[in-house]
N, C-alpha and C. Protein backbone atom coordinates (compact mmCIF):
# COMPACT_ATOMS: atom_id res chain seq x y z
N MET A 1 0.83 -1.18 0.00
CA MET A 1 0.00 0.00 0.00
C MET A 1 0.88 1.25 0.00
N VAL A 2 0.59 2.17 -0.87
CA VAL A 2 1.37 3.39 -0.99
C VAL A 2 0.93 4.36 0.10
N SER A 3 1.88 4.88 0.81
CA SER A 3 1.57 5.85 1.86
C SER A 3 1.10 7.15 1.23
N VAL A 4 0.10 7.74 1.81
CA VAL A 4 -0.45 8.99 1.30
C VAL A 4 0.57 10.11 1.42
N PHE A 5 1.45 10.02 2.40
CA PHE A 5 2.39 11.10 2.66
C PHE A 5 3.51 11.22 1.63
N VAL A 6 3.71 10.19 0.80
CA VAL A 6 4.73 10.30 -0.23
C VAL A 6 4.19 10.92 -1.51
N LEU A 7 2.88 11.09 -1.57
CA LEU A 7 2.27 11.72 -2.74
C LEU A 7 2.47 13.22 -2.71
N PRO A 8 2.51 13.86 -3.87
CA PRO A 8 2.59 15.32 -3.90
C PRO A 8 1.33 15.92 -3.27
N ILE A 9 1.44 17.14 -2.78
CA ILE A 9 0.35 17.80 -2.06
C ILE A 9 -0.92 17.88 -2.90
N GLU A 10 -0.81 18.10 -4.20
CA GLU A 10 -1.99 18.19 -5.06
C GLU A 10 -2.76 16.88 -5.05
N TRP A 11 -2.03 15.76 -5.10
CA TRP A 11 -2.68 14.45 -5.09
C TRP A 11 -3.31 14.16 -3.73
N ARG A 12 -2.64 14.58 -2.65
CA ARG A 12 -3.22 14.38 -1.32
C ARG A 12 -4.52 15.15 -1.17
N LEU A 13 -4.56 16.40 -1.67
CA LEU A 13 -5.78 17.20 -1.59
C LEU A 13 -6.89 16.59 -2.44
N LEU A 14 -6.53 16.09 -3.61
CA LEU A 14 -7.52 15.44 -4.47
C LEU A 14 -8.07 14.18 -3.80
N LEU A 15 -7.20 13.38 -3.21
CA LEU A 15 -7.62 12.16 -2.52
C LEU A 15 -8.50 12.50 -1.32
N LEU A 16 -8.12 13.50 -0.56
CA LEU A 16 -8.92 13.93 0.59
C LEU A 16 -10.29 14.42 0.15
N THR A 17 -10.34 15.18 -0.92
CA THR A 17 -11.60 15.69 -1.44
C THR A 17 -12.50 14.56 -1.95
N ALA A 18 -11.92 13.54 -2.52
CA ALA A 18 -12.70 12.43 -3.07
C ALA A 18 -13.18 11.47 -1.97
N VAL A 19 -12.40 11.26 -0.93
CA VAL A 19 -12.71 10.25 0.08
C VAL A 19 -13.57 10.79 1.21
N THR A 20 -13.40 12.02 1.60
CA THR A 20 -14.08 12.57 2.78
C THR A 20 -15.60 12.46 2.72
N PRO A 21 -16.27 12.82 1.62
CA PRO A 21 -17.74 12.69 1.62
C PRO A 21 -18.21 11.25 1.80
N TYR A 22 -17.55 10.31 1.17
CA TYR A 22 -17.94 8.91 1.31
C TYR A 22 -17.73 8.42 2.74
N LEU A 23 -16.64 8.81 3.35
CA LEU A 23 -16.37 8.42 4.73
C LEU A 23 -17.39 9.03 5.68
N ALA A 24 -17.76 10.28 5.46
CA ALA A 24 -18.76 10.94 6.31
C ALA A 24 -20.12 10.26 6.20
N VAL A 25 -20.53 9.92 4.99
CA VAL A 25 -21.82 9.24 4.80
C VAL A 25 -21.78 7.85 5.42
N TYR A 26 -20.68 7.13 5.25
CA TYR A 26 -20.56 5.79 5.84
C TYR A 26 -20.68 5.86 7.35
N LEU A 27 -19.96 6.78 7.98
CA LEU A 27 -20.02 6.89 9.44
C LEU A 27 -21.39 7.34 9.92
N ALA A 28 -22.06 8.19 9.16
CA ALA A 28 -23.38 8.68 9.56
C ALA A 28 -24.45 7.61 9.43
N LEU A 29 -24.31 6.73 8.47
CA LEU A 29 -25.35 5.73 8.22
C LEU A 29 -25.06 4.36 8.81
N GLU A 30 -23.97 4.22 9.51
CA GLU A 30 -23.65 2.94 10.12
C GLU A 30 -24.74 2.61 11.15
N PRO A 31 -25.46 1.49 10.98
CA PRO A 31 -26.62 1.22 11.83
C PRO A 31 -26.29 0.90 13.28
N SER A 32 -25.17 0.26 13.55
CA SER A 32 -24.85 -0.09 14.92
C SER A 32 -23.34 -0.19 15.06
N GLY A 33 -22.92 -0.48 16.25
CA GLY A 33 -21.49 -0.62 16.48
C GLY A 33 -21.01 0.33 17.55
N ARG A 34 -19.73 0.22 17.84
CA ARG A 34 -19.15 1.04 18.92
C ARG A 34 -19.19 2.52 18.58
N ARG A 35 -19.06 2.86 17.30
CA ARG A 35 -19.06 4.29 16.94
C ARG A 35 -20.43 4.92 17.16
N ARG A 36 -21.49 4.14 17.23
CA ARG A 36 -22.83 4.68 17.46
C ARG A 36 -23.22 4.65 18.94
N ALA A 37 -22.34 4.21 19.81
CA ALA A 37 -22.65 4.11 21.24
C ALA A 37 -22.94 5.47 21.86
N TYR A 38 -22.43 6.54 21.28
CA TYR A 38 -22.67 7.87 21.82
C TYR A 38 -24.15 8.25 21.80
N ASN A 39 -24.96 7.60 20.96
CA ASN A 39 -26.39 7.93 20.87
C ASN A 39 -27.16 7.52 22.12
N ARG A 40 -26.58 6.71 22.98
CA ARG A 40 -27.28 6.30 24.19
C ARG A 40 -27.51 7.47 25.13
N VAL A 41 -26.67 8.47 25.11
CA VAL A 41 -26.84 9.61 26.02
C VAL A 41 -27.80 10.65 25.45
N GLY A 42 -28.04 10.66 24.17
CA GLY A 42 -28.95 11.61 23.55
C GLY A 42 -28.44 12.06 22.21
N ASP A 43 -29.31 12.70 21.45
CA ASP A 43 -28.97 13.18 20.12
C ASP A 43 -28.73 14.69 20.21
N TYR A 44 -27.48 15.06 20.35
CA TYR A 44 -27.13 16.47 20.51
C TYR A 44 -26.83 17.15 19.18
N SER A 45 -26.92 16.43 18.07
CA SER A 45 -26.48 16.97 16.79
C SER A 45 -27.26 18.21 16.38
N CYS A 46 -28.55 18.19 16.58
CA CYS A 46 -29.36 19.35 16.19
C CYS A 46 -28.99 20.57 17.03
N GLY A 47 -28.79 20.36 18.32
CA GLY A 47 -28.39 21.47 19.20
C GLY A 47 -27.04 22.04 18.82
N VAL A 48 -26.11 21.17 18.47
CA VAL A 48 -24.79 21.63 18.03
C VAL A 48 -24.92 22.45 16.76
N TYR A 49 -25.76 21.97 15.85
CA TYR A 49 -25.98 22.68 14.58
C TYR A 49 -26.62 24.05 14.82
N ILE A 50 -27.61 24.08 15.70
CA ILE A 50 -28.35 25.33 15.94
C ILE A 50 -27.53 26.34 16.74
N TYR A 51 -26.84 25.88 17.78
CA TYR A 51 -26.17 26.80 18.71
C TYR A 51 -24.72 27.10 18.36
N GLY A 52 -24.08 26.29 17.53
CA GLY A 52 -22.64 26.44 17.28
C GLY A 52 -22.24 27.79 16.74
N ALA A 53 -22.80 28.20 15.62
CA ALA A 53 -22.41 29.46 14.99
C ALA A 53 -22.78 30.68 15.84
N PRO A 54 -24.00 30.75 16.40
CA PRO A 54 -24.31 31.92 17.24
C PRO A 54 -23.40 32.04 18.46
N ILE A 55 -23.07 30.92 19.10
CA ILE A 55 -22.18 30.97 20.26
C ILE A 55 -20.81 31.48 19.84
N GLN A 56 -20.32 31.01 18.72
CA GLN A 56 -19.01 31.46 18.24
C GLN A 56 -19.03 32.95 17.94
N MET A 57 -20.09 33.44 17.33
CA MET A 57 -20.19 34.87 17.03
C MET A 57 -20.30 35.70 18.30
N ILE A 58 -21.05 35.22 19.29
CA ILE A 58 -21.17 35.94 20.56
C ILE A 58 -19.83 35.99 21.26
N LEU A 59 -19.11 34.88 21.27
CA LEU A 59 -17.78 34.87 21.90
C LEU A 59 -16.83 35.85 21.22
N LEU A 60 -16.82 35.85 19.90
CA LEU A 60 -15.93 36.77 19.18
C LEU A 60 -16.31 38.22 19.44
N ALA A 61 -17.61 38.51 19.54
CA ALA A 61 -18.06 39.89 19.77
C ALA A 61 -17.76 40.35 21.19
N THR A 62 -17.87 39.45 22.17
CA THR A 62 -17.68 39.85 23.55
C THR A 62 -16.23 39.84 24.00
N LEU A 63 -15.39 39.03 23.38
CA LEU A 63 -13.99 38.97 23.79
C LEU A 63 -13.20 40.19 23.34
N GLY A 64 -13.66 40.87 22.33
CA GLY A 64 -12.99 42.08 21.87
C GLY A 64 -11.76 41.78 21.04
N SER A 65 -10.73 41.27 21.66
CA SER A 65 -9.53 40.95 20.89
C SER A 65 -9.74 39.61 20.18
N THR A 66 -8.98 39.38 19.16
CA THR A 66 -9.11 38.16 18.39
C THR A 66 -8.44 37.02 19.15
N PRO A 67 -9.23 36.01 19.58
CA PRO A 67 -8.63 34.88 20.30
C PRO A 67 -7.93 33.94 19.33
N SER A 68 -7.11 33.07 19.88
CA SER A 68 -6.45 32.09 19.03
C SER A 68 -7.50 31.10 18.51
N VAL A 69 -7.16 30.41 17.46
CA VAL A 69 -8.08 29.45 16.86
C VAL A 69 -8.42 28.35 17.87
N LEU A 70 -7.42 27.87 18.59
CA LEU A 70 -7.64 26.80 19.55
C LEU A 70 -8.55 27.24 20.70
N SER A 71 -8.30 28.41 21.27
CA SER A 71 -9.15 28.86 22.37
C SER A 71 -10.57 29.16 21.89
N ASN A 72 -10.70 29.69 20.69
CA ASN A 72 -12.02 29.94 20.11
C ASN A 72 -12.77 28.61 19.95
N PHE A 73 -12.10 27.61 19.42
CA PHE A 73 -12.72 26.31 19.21
C PHE A 73 -13.13 25.66 20.54
N VAL A 74 -12.21 25.66 21.51
CA VAL A 74 -12.49 24.99 22.78
C VAL A 74 -13.65 25.67 23.51
N CYS A 75 -13.62 26.98 23.61
CA CYS A 75 -14.71 27.71 24.29
C CYS A 75 -16.04 27.49 23.59
N THR A 76 -16.03 27.60 22.28
CA THR A 76 -17.27 27.39 21.52
C THR A 76 -17.78 25.97 21.68
N ALA A 77 -16.89 24.99 21.61
CA ALA A 77 -17.31 23.59 21.71
C ALA A 77 -17.90 23.29 23.08
N VAL A 78 -17.28 23.77 24.15
CA VAL A 78 -17.77 23.47 25.49
C VAL A 78 -19.15 24.09 25.71
N ILE A 79 -19.28 25.37 25.40
CA ILE A 79 -20.56 26.06 25.61
C ILE A 79 -21.65 25.44 24.72
N THR A 80 -21.30 25.16 23.48
CA THR A 80 -22.28 24.59 22.55
C THR A 80 -22.74 23.21 22.99
N LEU A 81 -21.83 22.37 23.43
CA LEU A 81 -22.22 21.02 23.88
C LEU A 81 -23.09 21.08 25.13
N VAL A 82 -22.80 22.00 26.04
CA VAL A 82 -23.65 22.15 27.23
C VAL A 82 -25.05 22.57 26.82
N LEU A 83 -25.16 23.57 25.95
CA LEU A 83 -26.48 24.02 25.50
C LEU A 83 -27.21 22.94 24.70
N ALA A 84 -26.49 22.20 23.87
CA ALA A 84 -27.11 21.13 23.09
C ALA A 84 -27.63 20.03 24.00
N ALA A 85 -26.87 19.67 25.04
CA ALA A 85 -27.32 18.65 25.99
C ALA A 85 -28.55 19.12 26.75
N LEU A 86 -28.53 20.36 27.21
CA LEU A 86 -29.70 20.91 27.90
C LEU A 86 -30.91 20.94 26.98
N SER A 87 -30.70 21.34 25.75
CA SER A 87 -31.79 21.40 24.78
C SER A 87 -32.38 20.02 24.55
N TRP A 88 -31.53 19.01 24.43
CA TRP A 88 -32.03 17.65 24.19
C TRP A 88 -32.82 17.14 25.39
N HIS A 89 -32.23 17.24 26.57
CA HIS A 89 -32.84 16.63 27.75
C HIS A 89 -34.05 17.41 28.26
N LEU A 90 -34.10 18.72 28.05
CA LEU A 90 -35.21 19.51 28.57
C LEU A 90 -36.32 19.74 27.56
N LEU A 91 -36.00 19.73 26.26
CA LEU A 91 -37.00 20.07 25.25
C LEU A 91 -37.24 18.95 24.23
N ARG A 92 -36.22 18.59 23.51
CA ARG A 92 -36.39 17.75 22.33
C ARG A 92 -36.67 16.29 22.64
N LYS A 93 -36.19 15.78 23.76
CA LYS A 93 -36.36 14.36 24.08
C LYS A 93 -37.84 14.00 24.18
N GLN A 94 -38.63 14.85 24.82
CA GLN A 94 -40.05 14.58 24.94
C GLN A 94 -40.75 14.66 23.59
N GLY A 95 -40.36 15.60 22.76
CA GLY A 95 -40.96 15.74 21.44
C GLY A 95 -40.58 14.64 20.48
N ALA A 96 -39.44 14.00 20.71
CA ALA A 96 -38.97 12.96 19.80
C ALA A 96 -39.49 11.57 20.15
N SER A 97 -40.20 11.45 21.25
CA SER A 97 -40.71 10.13 21.62
C SER A 97 -41.73 9.66 20.58
N SER A 98 -41.79 8.36 20.39
CA SER A 98 -42.62 7.82 19.31
C SER A 98 -44.11 7.98 19.58
N ASP A 99 -44.52 8.13 20.83
CA ASP A 99 -45.94 8.29 21.11
C ASP A 99 -46.37 9.75 21.15
N SER A 100 -45.49 10.62 20.77
CA SER A 100 -45.80 12.05 20.78
C SER A 100 -46.78 12.41 19.67
N ARG A 101 -47.73 13.25 19.98
CA ARG A 101 -48.69 13.70 18.97
C ARG A 101 -48.00 14.50 17.87
N LEU A 102 -47.00 15.28 18.27
CA LEU A 102 -46.26 16.08 17.29
C LEU A 102 -45.55 15.18 16.29
N THR A 103 -44.91 14.12 16.79
CA THR A 103 -44.22 13.19 15.90
C THR A 103 -45.22 12.53 14.96
N TRP A 104 -46.38 12.13 15.48
CA TRP A 104 -47.41 11.52 14.65
C TRP A 104 -47.88 12.51 13.59
N SER A 105 -48.09 13.76 13.97
CA SER A 105 -48.54 14.77 13.01
C SER A 105 -47.49 15.02 11.94
N MET A 106 -46.23 15.05 12.35
CA MET A 106 -45.16 15.30 11.38
C MET A 106 -45.07 14.14 10.38
N ARG A 107 -45.22 12.90 10.86
CA ARG A 107 -45.18 11.76 9.95
C ARG A 107 -46.36 11.81 8.99
N ARG A 108 -47.53 12.18 9.49
CA ARG A 108 -48.72 12.27 8.65
C ARG A 108 -48.56 13.34 7.58
N CYS A 109 -48.03 14.50 7.97
CA CYS A 109 -47.80 15.58 6.99
C CYS A 109 -46.74 15.16 5.97
N GLY A 110 -45.73 14.45 6.43
CA GLY A 110 -44.69 13.99 5.51
C GLY A 110 -45.23 13.02 4.48
N ARG A 111 -46.11 12.10 4.89
CA ARG A 111 -46.71 11.16 3.95
C ARG A 111 -47.61 11.89 2.95
N ALA A 112 -48.35 12.89 3.46
CA ALA A 112 -49.25 13.66 2.57
C ALA A 112 -48.42 14.44 1.55
N ALA A 113 -47.31 15.01 1.99
CA ALA A 113 -46.46 15.77 1.07
C ALA A 113 -45.83 14.83 0.04
N ALA A 114 -45.43 13.64 0.48
CA ALA A 114 -44.85 12.69 -0.47
C ALA A 114 -45.87 12.25 -1.51
N ARG A 115 -47.12 12.03 -1.08
CA ARG A 115 -48.17 11.67 -2.06
C ARG A 115 -48.41 12.81 -3.05
N ALA A 116 -48.43 14.04 -2.53
CA ALA A 116 -48.69 15.20 -3.40
C ALA A 116 -47.57 15.37 -4.42
N LEU A 117 -46.34 15.14 -4.00
CA LEU A 117 -45.21 15.29 -4.91
C LEU A 117 -45.11 14.17 -5.92
N SER A 118 -45.65 13.00 -5.59
CA SER A 118 -45.53 11.87 -6.51
C SER A 118 -46.56 11.94 -7.65
N HIS A 119 -47.56 12.80 -7.52
CA HIS A 119 -48.58 12.90 -8.59
C HIS A 119 -48.20 13.90 -9.62
């Protein structure tokens, strides 16, 4: 097997660009296994998506001086994960339960939309 590090930088970037999307989809769709064990504590992905950018912008606006990339990342990640966990456990967990009326309504609307689009 040829080591990636002996390739010229252009080839490494091309290989990275070609492989990364497939690897991300594979990891996201893996049905079970040790890599999916994190889902037992809750699904924080939506909270991270929603809160990540605003928290980073608030931190940059309030700190005044430009922080280092590492400190910006660490502060944003910690605050965002705390808010995402709170959001999941206090709000979204109840709404995501299978017996929830909201979930039932959303599935019903989704089926109706799919029927309308298929005609």
